[in-house]
Each structure stands twice: as C-alpha cells, then as structure tokens.
Amino acid sequence: MSLGFLMKLKILWALYDIEKIYYPILAAIGIPVNVLAIVILFRGKCGLSKCVTSYLVAMAAADLLVIILDLILRQIPIVYRIQFTFLFYVRVCNIHAILLYAATDCSVWFTVTFSFDRFVAICCQKLKVKYCTKKTAVVVVGTVTVLSCLKNCFWYFLYTRQYTRSNSPWFCFVAIAAYRSLAWAIVELMHYILTPFIPFVLILLFNAVTVRNIIVASRTRRRLRDRSSGASHSDPEMVNRRKSMILLFVISANFILLWVVFMVCSILKRLDYLSYMYSVPLPTFLPEIGFILQLLSCCTNTFIYAVTQRKFRQELTNGVKYPLTRMVKLIR
C-alpha cells in the first residue's frame, strides 16, 4: 500500500470516530434549536415582515425534518451499525428515501425562494407590493413542497425497500435493472443538478444583483440627502435594506459553503459509477466531509438569526429564561 492511500484511510477512520460523537450531539442541538426558531418566528415578534417570517419558518421546519429523516434515521444508524442491525429487517427504505430527499429539496429551495423574495423586495419596487406578501409566501412554500414530493417519487422505483447502511449516494439497495441503466443515471444526475447545483447558481445570481442594487441605491440616496441637508444623517430606509442584505447574505453564504462539498461529491460519484469520470478519483474521506457539512447547515440558521436579528435574540433570551423562572417560582 502506498503512503498516500494509508493516509487517506487513516483520515477516513478518524472521520468515522468523529461522526460517532458528532452526529448525536448535532441531533441533540439541532432538534431543540429548530423547534425554538419555529416557535419564536411563528409568534411574529421579531420585527420581520410576515412574508419573511413565513419563509424562515418554512426553512426551519424543513431543516427539522432533514435532521429527523437524514441525521437520526440514516446517519446515526450507519455509524452505529451493530446497534441498528434490525434495520435489515425493516423494509421501508424506498419510502424513507422519498421523504428524506423531499425534505432536503424543500430545505434547499426554500432558501432559493427566500433569496428571490428579498431580490424582488429590494430590486423590483413595482412587483414588491403584489409579490412580497404572506399569501404569496404561503402559496410559494406550498408549491415547492408539493413539487419536491412529486419530483422524488422516482426513488421508490430506483431503490429497493432494504437498507444498505452505507454512507454513499445510495443508502438503500438499488434495483438491479437500474444500477447501470443510462436512463436511471440521467434521472438521478438531474436530481443532483436540480438540488443543489441550480439553487447554487440562482442564489449567487439573486444575491449579486441584490447587493449591487443596494450599493447603487445607497450611494444615490446619500448624495441626495447630502445635497438637501448639507450633512450626513442616518437613513432608516437604507439601514433596513442593509439589515436585509446582511441576513440574506449570511444565510446564502452559509448554505453555499456547507453544501458545496456534498454537491461536487454526489455528482462526480454518480458519473464515476457510469465509468465517465475514472480520471477524477475522489479521496475516500471527501464524501464523509460533505455529509458532515451538509447536515451542519440544518442547525446553523437559528444561530444566524440570533447573531443578525436583535429582536430574535430578545425573544430567544425570554424563551430560555421563562422555564427557568417558572422552576424557581415552583421551588420557592
């Protein structure tokens, strides 16, 4: 064995050991923080518009489902194989796959729809009045959810009902007829292109145009205010726009950075199975890093809200203090 191969193998086994600790901790943190985010945002006391709140609640709910379906019901049984041997006798893997990939699609595309909503709100003033409403947000979220479920029904026929308990793009046994079928390969490749490659492109595009618009508008308004007043004063409109830009940029950057490894590995792995990409071998540990980062993205948005939104921090603090205060009163 070469020294490079041994090094890659050591890194892979080290990642397996890390995952045994990392995944349970991530689940223990991810579920309560997403539930807390849903409750806080749903109350509508964070100073955000109803439209924005609807998208953020949908994102938190989708992330919660991914944590349950992917982290708890897929990744943890993989790293604790001995404790979950009974999964060999549970024949629901293809149904699990539909729900898991539908939830993942929702999580990704809700981020896209949120980015588009902020793009319209900042760059398309005439469309803003009609589009940036709670009713539209609910319709968009519902449409994305239905389309995500319909899109992922093909996994029922590609996968069998039995789990493989292997951390690869295929976590169920694949139907023999589909394993090296060109038609199924194209369908599966399109799946990875639609989620998350196209969302990557759309988010970058919307953010670039939105940020450019804010910068240009900020300079124009500053010049006009300076000419009219002769001094520089705080502009509430631009302050609100900058806050929206910060929230949008941080959420989008978080999504892109944590998903990029998973996206590249999934697409190249699918091409590799078809013998198209043997010239670009992937290190064995790279897909594991992709899974680790992708699942982390389901737990970070709540912390982003806490850092960027003052009223969300206040509500979060009150939510943490309330049960402690009640306990103290009961003890007394």
Protein backbone atom coordinates (compact mmCIF):
# COMPACT_ATOMS: atom_id res chain seq x y z
CA MET A 1 0.00 0.00 0.00
CA SER A 2 1.23 3.50 -0.82
CA LEU A 3 1.77 6.10 1.87
CA GLY A 4 -0.93 8.32 0.32
CA PHE A 5 -3.51 5.53 0.43
CA LEU A 6 -2.72 4.77 4.08
CA MET A 7 -3.05 8.45 4.96
CA LYS A 8 -6.45 8.68 3.27
CA LEU A 9 -7.56 5.53 5.09
CA LYS A 10 -6.47 6.96 8.45
CA ILE A 11 -8.36 10.19 7.76
CA LEU A 12 -11.46 8.16 6.84
CA TRP A 13 -11.36 6.10 10.03
CA ALA A 14 -10.77 9.26 12.06
CA LEU A 15 -13.88 10.78 10.48
CA TYR A 16 -15.88 7.66 11.38
CA ASP A 17 -14.80 8.08 15.03
CA ILE A 18 -15.68 11.78 14.93
CA GLU A 19 -19.11 11.03 13.45
CA LYS A 20 -19.97 8.71 16.34
CA ILE A 21 -19.74 11.71 18.67
CA TYR A 22 -20.64 14.48 16.23
CA TYR A 23 -23.95 13.14 14.91
CA PRO A 24 -25.66 12.50 18.29
CA ILE A 25 -24.54 15.93 19.54
CA LEU A 26 -25.76 17.57 16.33
CA ALA A 27 -29.14 15.86 16.70
CA ALA A 28 -29.39 16.87 20.36
CA ILE A 29 -28.72 20.51 19.41
CA GLY A 30 -30.46 20.64 16.05
CA ILE A 31 -33.92 19.50 17.11
CA PRO A 32 -34.45 21.95 20.01
CA VAL A 33 -32.91 24.97 18.22
CA ASN A 34 -35.08 24.45 15.13
CA VAL A 35 -38.20 23.92 17.23
CA LEU A 36 -37.32 27.05 19.19
CA ALA A 37 -36.77 29.00 15.96
CA ILE A 38 -40.16 27.88 14.61
CA VAL A 39 -41.95 28.92 17.82
CA ILE A 40 -40.19 32.30 18.06
CA LEU A 41 -40.67 33.17 14.40
CA PHE A 42 -44.28 31.95 14.37
CA ARG A 43 -45.14 34.35 17.20
CA GLY A 44 -44.22 37.22 14.85
CA LYS A 45 -42.47 39.43 17.41
CA CYS A 46 -39.05 39.59 15.75
CA GLY A 47 -39.67 42.75 13.75
CA LEU A 48 -39.68 40.86 10.46
CA SER A 49 -42.38 41.13 7.82
CA LYS A 50 -44.99 38.37 7.66
CA CYS A 51 -43.64 37.41 4.26
CA VAL A 52 -40.05 36.94 5.50
CA THR A 53 -41.30 35.17 8.63
CA SER A 54 -43.22 32.64 6.51
CA TYR A 55 -40.08 31.72 4.56
CA LEU A 56 -37.91 31.47 7.67
CA VAL A 57 -40.48 29.27 9.45
CA ALA A 58 -40.65 27.01 6.39
CA MET A 59 -36.84 26.78 6.27
CA ALA A 60 -36.65 25.87 9.96
CA ALA A 61 -39.39 23.23 9.57
CA ALA A 62 -37.63 21.69 6.56
CA ASP A 63 -34.31 21.64 8.44
CA LEU A 64 -36.02 19.91 11.35
CA LEU A 65 -37.36 17.21 9.03
CA VAL A 66 -33.90 16.71 7.48
CA ILE A 67 -32.41 16.26 10.95
CA ILE A 68 -35.01 13.60 11.78
CA LEU A 69 -35.04 11.79 8.42
CA ASP A 70 -31.37 12.06 7.49
CA LEU A 71 -29.34 12.56 10.65
CA ILE A 72 -31.33 10.42 13.10
CA LEU A 73 -32.86 7.78 10.81
CA ARG A 74 -29.97 7.46 8.33
CA GLN A 75 -26.57 8.70 9.51
CA ILE A 76 -26.68 7.62 13.15
CA PRO A 77 -27.71 4.01 12.24
CA ILE A 78 -24.82 3.94 9.75
CA VAL A 79 -22.15 4.92 12.27
CA TYR A 80 -23.68 2.67 14.96
CA ARG A 81 -24.11 -0.39 12.73
CA ILE A 82 -24.14 -3.02 15.49
CA GLN A 83 -26.86 -1.28 17.47
CA PHE A 84 -29.06 -0.94 14.37
CA THR A 85 -28.75 -4.38 12.76
CA PHE A 86 -32.55 -4.69 12.98
CA LEU A 87 -32.80 -2.25 10.06
CA PHE A 88 -32.01 -5.13 7.72
CA TYR A 89 -35.49 -6.44 8.53
CA VAL A 90 -37.28 -3.07 8.19
CA ARG A 91 -38.39 -2.87 4.56
CA VAL A 92 -39.26 0.82 4.13
CA CYS A 93 -36.04 2.25 2.69
CA ASN A 94 -37.51 3.44 -0.61
CA ILE A 95 -40.31 5.29 1.22
CA HIS A 96 -37.74 6.74 3.61
CA ALA A 97 -35.75 7.93 0.59
CA ILE A 98 -38.74 9.79 -0.87
CA LEU A 99 -39.40 11.62 2.40
CA LEU A 100 -35.71 12.34 3.03
CA TYR A 101 -34.97 13.75 -0.43
CA ALA A 102 -38.25 15.69 -0.49
CA ALA A 103 -37.38 17.33 2.85
CA THR A 104 -33.86 18.08 1.59
CA ASP A 105 -35.24 19.62 -1.61
CA CYS A 106 -37.60 21.77 0.44
CA SER A 107 -34.77 22.94 2.70
CA VAL A 108 -32.69 23.95 -0.33
CA TRP A 109 -35.42 25.51 -2.44
CA PHE A 110 -36.92 27.45 0.47
CA THR A 111 -33.53 29.18 0.67
CA VAL A 112 -33.84 29.99 -3.05
CA THR A 113 -37.38 31.33 -2.71
CA PHE A 114 -36.31 33.45 0.27
CA SER A 115 -33.44 34.87 -1.78
CA PHE A 116 -35.82 35.62 -4.65
CA ASP A 117 -38.29 37.30 -2.29
CA ARG A 118 -35.55 39.62 -0.98
CA PHE A 119 -34.43 40.25 -4.57
CA VAL A 120 -37.96 41.36 -5.50
CA ALA A 121 -38.37 43.43 -2.33
CA ILE A 122 -35.16 45.38 -2.93
CA CYS A 123 -34.78 45.45 -6.72
CA CYS A 124 -38.35 45.34 -8.12
CA GLN A 125 -40.37 48.01 -6.35
CA LYS A 126 -43.40 47.71 -8.66
CA LEU A 127 -43.65 43.94 -8.16
CA LYS A 128 -42.89 44.17 -4.44
CA VAL A 129 -46.43 45.23 -3.42
CA LYS A 130 -48.04 42.21 -5.09
CA TYR A 131 -45.38 39.56 -4.57
CA CYS A 132 -43.90 40.22 -1.11
CA THR A 133 -46.98 39.25 0.90
CA LYS A 134 -47.74 36.49 3.36
CA LYS A 135 -50.33 34.99 0.98
CA THR A 136 -47.78 34.71 -1.83
CA ALA A 137 -45.19 33.24 0.55
CA VAL A 138 -47.65 30.55 1.70
CA VAL A 139 -48.51 29.70 -1.93
CA VAL A 140 -44.81 29.52 -2.90
CA VAL A 141 -43.92 27.34 0.11
CA GLY A 142 -46.85 25.03 -0.59
CA THR A 143 -45.98 24.76 -4.28
CA VAL A 144 -42.33 23.95 -3.54
CA THR A 145 -43.39 21.30 -1.03
CA VAL A 146 -45.76 19.57 -3.45
CA LEU A 147 -43.27 19.69 -6.34
CA SER A 148 -40.49 18.32 -4.12
CA CYS A 149 -42.65 15.35 -3.11
CA LEU A 150 -43.66 14.63 -6.71
CA LYS A 151 -40.11 15.02 -8.01
CA ASN A 152 -38.72 12.45 -5.58
CA CYS A 153 -41.28 9.71 -6.20
CA PHE A 154 -38.84 8.12 -8.66
CA TRP A 155 -36.67 6.93 -5.73
CA TYR A 156 -39.42 4.43 -4.91
CA PHE A 157 -38.69 2.61 -8.18
CA LEU A 158 -34.91 3.15 -8.25
CA TYR A 159 -34.35 1.86 -4.71
CA THR A 160 -35.47 -1.40 -3.16
CA ARG A 161 -37.11 -1.49 0.27
CA GLN A 162 -33.95 -2.72 2.04
CA TYR A 163 -31.31 -0.51 3.69
CA THR A 164 -27.61 -0.89 2.81
CA ARG A 165 -26.48 1.14 5.83
CA SER A 166 -23.61 2.55 3.75
CA ASN A 167 -22.75 6.23 3.61
CA SER A 168 -22.84 6.69 -0.14
CA PRO A 169 -25.23 8.47 -2.51
CA TRP A 170 -27.25 5.24 -2.35
CA PHE A 171 -28.26 4.33 1.21
CA CYS A 172 -30.77 1.72 0.02
CA PHE A 173 -30.11 -1.29 -2.17
CA VAL A 174 -30.62 -0.32 -5.80
CA ALA A 175 -32.85 -2.29 -8.15
CA ILE A 176 -30.64 -4.46 -10.38
CA ALA A 177 -32.24 -3.13 -13.57
CA ALA A 178 -31.45 0.45 -12.53
CA TYR A 179 -27.89 0.04 -11.22
CA ARG A 180 -26.13 0.83 -14.50
CA SER A 181 -29.09 1.94 -16.55
CA LEU A 182 -28.33 5.06 -18.58
CA ALA A 183 -31.92 6.28 -18.28
CA TRP A 184 -31.90 5.99 -14.47
CA ALA A 185 -28.44 7.56 -14.34
CA ILE A 186 -29.69 10.61 -16.23
CA VAL A 187 -32.72 10.89 -13.93
CA GLU A 188 -30.52 10.64 -10.83
CA LEU A 189 -27.97 13.08 -12.23
CA MET A 190 -30.78 15.55 -12.94
CA HIS A 191 -31.81 15.16 -9.30
CA TYR A 192 -28.39 16.37 -8.11
CA ILE A 193 -28.34 19.14 -10.71
CA LEU A 194 -31.75 20.40 -9.57
CA THR A 195 -30.69 20.09 -5.92
CA PRO A 196 -28.37 21.75 -5.18
CA PHE A 197 -26.47 22.84 -8.34
CA ILE A 198 -29.19 25.08 -9.85
CA PRO A 199 -30.01 26.59 -6.41
CA PHE A 200 -26.31 27.49 -6.10
CA VAL A 201 -26.45 29.41 -9.37
CA LEU A 202 -29.77 31.11 -8.59
CA ILE A 203 -28.75 32.17 -5.08
CA LEU A 204 -25.47 33.63 -6.33
CA LEU A 205 -27.31 35.46 -9.13
CA PHE A 206 -30.05 36.90 -6.89
CA ASN A 207 -27.55 37.93 -4.23
CA ALA A 208 -25.19 39.58 -6.71
CA VAL A 209 -27.99 41.66 -8.25
CA THR A 210 -29.49 42.48 -4.84
CA VAL A 211 -26.19 43.60 -3.31
CA ARG A 212 -25.36 45.66 -6.41
CA ASN A 213 -28.78 47.36 -6.24
CA ILE A 214 -28.37 48.17 -2.55
CA ILE A 215 -24.90 49.64 -3.06
CA VAL A 216 -26.03 51.82 -6.01
CA ALA A 217 -29.19 52.96 -4.19
CA SER A 218 -27.21 53.71 -1.03
CA ARG A 219 -24.76 55.94 -2.90
CA THR A 220 -27.57 57.76 -4.74
CA ARG A 221 -29.63 58.39 -1.59
CA ARG A 222 -26.54 59.53 0.30
CA ARG A 223 -25.71 62.11 -2.38
CA LEU A 224 -29.31 63.38 -2.47
CA ARG A 225 -29.51 63.67 1.32
CA ASP A 226 -26.16 65.44 1.48
CA ARG A 227 -27.25 67.98 -1.12
CA SER A 228 -30.59 68.63 0.57
CA SER A 229 -29.43 68.83 4.18
CA GLY A 230 -25.76 69.68 3.79
CA ALA A 231 -24.85 66.99 6.33
CA SER A 232 -24.85 63.24 6.55
CA HIS A 233 -27.70 61.72 8.57
CA SER A 234 -28.86 58.23 9.24
CA ASP A 235 -31.23 56.92 6.57
CA PRO A 236 -33.78 54.49 8.11
CA GLU A 237 -34.64 53.03 4.69
CA MET A 238 -31.03 52.18 3.90
CA VAL A 239 -30.47 50.85 7.41
CA ASN A 240 -33.36 48.40 6.88
CA ARG A 241 -32.00 47.43 3.48
CA ARG A 242 -28.56 46.79 4.89
CA LYS A 243 -30.05 44.59 7.61
CA SER A 244 -31.96 42.61 4.96
CA MET A 245 -28.78 42.30 2.91
CA ILE A 246 -26.79 41.04 5.90
CA LEU A 247 -29.43 38.41 6.78
CA LEU A 248 -29.75 37.32 3.14
CA PHE A 249 -26.01 37.19 2.52
CA VAL A 250 -25.18 35.25 5.70
CA ILE A 251 -27.93 32.65 5.13
CA SER A 252 -26.93 32.23 1.47
CA ALA A 253 -23.19 32.07 2.18
CA ASN A 254 -23.81 29.54 4.95
CA PHE A 255 -25.82 27.35 2.54
CA ILE A 256 -23.24 27.52 -0.26
CA LEU A 257 -20.19 26.86 1.92
CA LEU A 258 -21.75 23.91 3.74
CA TRP A 259 -23.29 22.30 0.64
CA VAL A 260 -20.54 22.69 -1.96
CA VAL A 261 -18.53 19.56 -0.98
CA PHE A 262 -21.65 17.38 -0.88
CA MET A 263 -22.79 18.66 -4.29
CA VAL A 264 -19.45 18.02 -6.01
CA CYS A 265 -19.06 14.54 -4.46
CA SER A 266 -22.62 13.46 -5.34
CA ILE A 267 -22.37 14.48 -9.00
CA LEU A 268 -18.88 13.03 -9.52
CA LYS A 269 -19.82 9.82 -7.71
CA ARG A 270 -22.80 9.30 -10.00
CA LEU A 271 -20.62 9.90 -13.08
CA ASP A 272 -17.96 7.60 -11.67
CA TYR A 273 -20.43 4.72 -11.40
CA LEU A 274 -21.12 5.17 -15.10
CA SER A 275 -17.39 5.00 -15.90
CA TYR A 276 -17.32 8.57 -17.16
CA MET A 277 -15.07 10.07 -14.51
CA TYR A 278 -12.41 7.50 -13.65
CA SER A 279 -9.80 10.15 -14.42
CA VAL A 280 -11.02 12.24 -11.46
CA PRO A 281 -10.87 9.89 -8.44
CA LEU A 282 -12.30 11.26 -5.19
CA PRO A 283 -10.49 10.78 -1.87
CA THR A 284 -12.47 8.24 0.15
CA PHE A 285 -12.90 10.66 3.04
CA LEU A 286 -14.24 13.60 0.98
CA PRO A 287 -17.88 12.36 0.77
CA GLU A 288 -17.88 11.96 4.57
CA ILE A 289 -16.84 15.60 4.96
CA GLY A 290 -19.65 16.50 2.54
CA PHE A 291 -22.25 14.71 4.70
CA ILE A 292 -20.89 16.31 7.89
CA LEU A 293 -21.05 19.85 6.50
CA GLN A 294 -24.39 19.39 4.74
CA LEU A 295 -26.08 18.21 7.94
CA LEU A 296 -24.49 21.05 9.90
CA SER A 297 -26.31 23.50 7.61
CA CYS A 298 -29.62 22.31 9.10
CA CYS A 299 -28.63 23.62 12.54
CA THR A 300 -26.95 26.95 11.77
CA ASN A 301 -29.81 29.21 10.63
CA THR A 302 -31.12 29.68 14.17
CA PHE A 303 -27.70 30.92 15.29
CA ILE A 304 -27.61 33.22 12.24
CA TYR A 305 -30.94 34.76 13.27
CA ALA A 306 -29.65 35.21 16.82
CA VAL A 307 -26.49 36.97 15.62
CA THR A 308 -28.09 39.22 12.99
CA GLN A 309 -31.53 39.98 14.49
CA ARG A 310 -31.70 41.86 17.80
CA LYS A 311 -35.39 41.16 18.45
CA PHE A 312 -34.88 37.46 17.72
CA ARG A 313 -32.14 37.46 20.38
CA GLN A 314 -34.53 39.06 22.84
CA GLU A 315 -37.25 36.51 22.13
CA LEU A 316 -34.70 33.69 22.38
CA THR A 317 -33.46 35.01 25.73
CA ASN A 318 -37.02 35.32 27.02
CA GLY A 319 -37.79 31.78 25.82
CA VAL A 320 -34.79 30.39 27.71
CA LYS A 321 -35.50 32.44 30.83
CA TYR A 322 -39.21 31.58 31.04
CA PRO A 323 -38.93 27.88 32.09
CA LEU A 324 -36.09 28.74 34.47
CA THR A 325 -38.18 31.46 36.08
CA ARG A 326 -41.14 29.11 36.43
CA MET A 327 -38.92 26.47 38.04
CA VAL A 328 -37.56 28.98 40.54
CA LYS A 329 -41.08 30.08 41.45
CA LEU A 330 -42.20 26.48 41.93
CA ILE A 331 -39.20 25.72 44.15
CA ARG A 332 -39.89 28.77 46.27
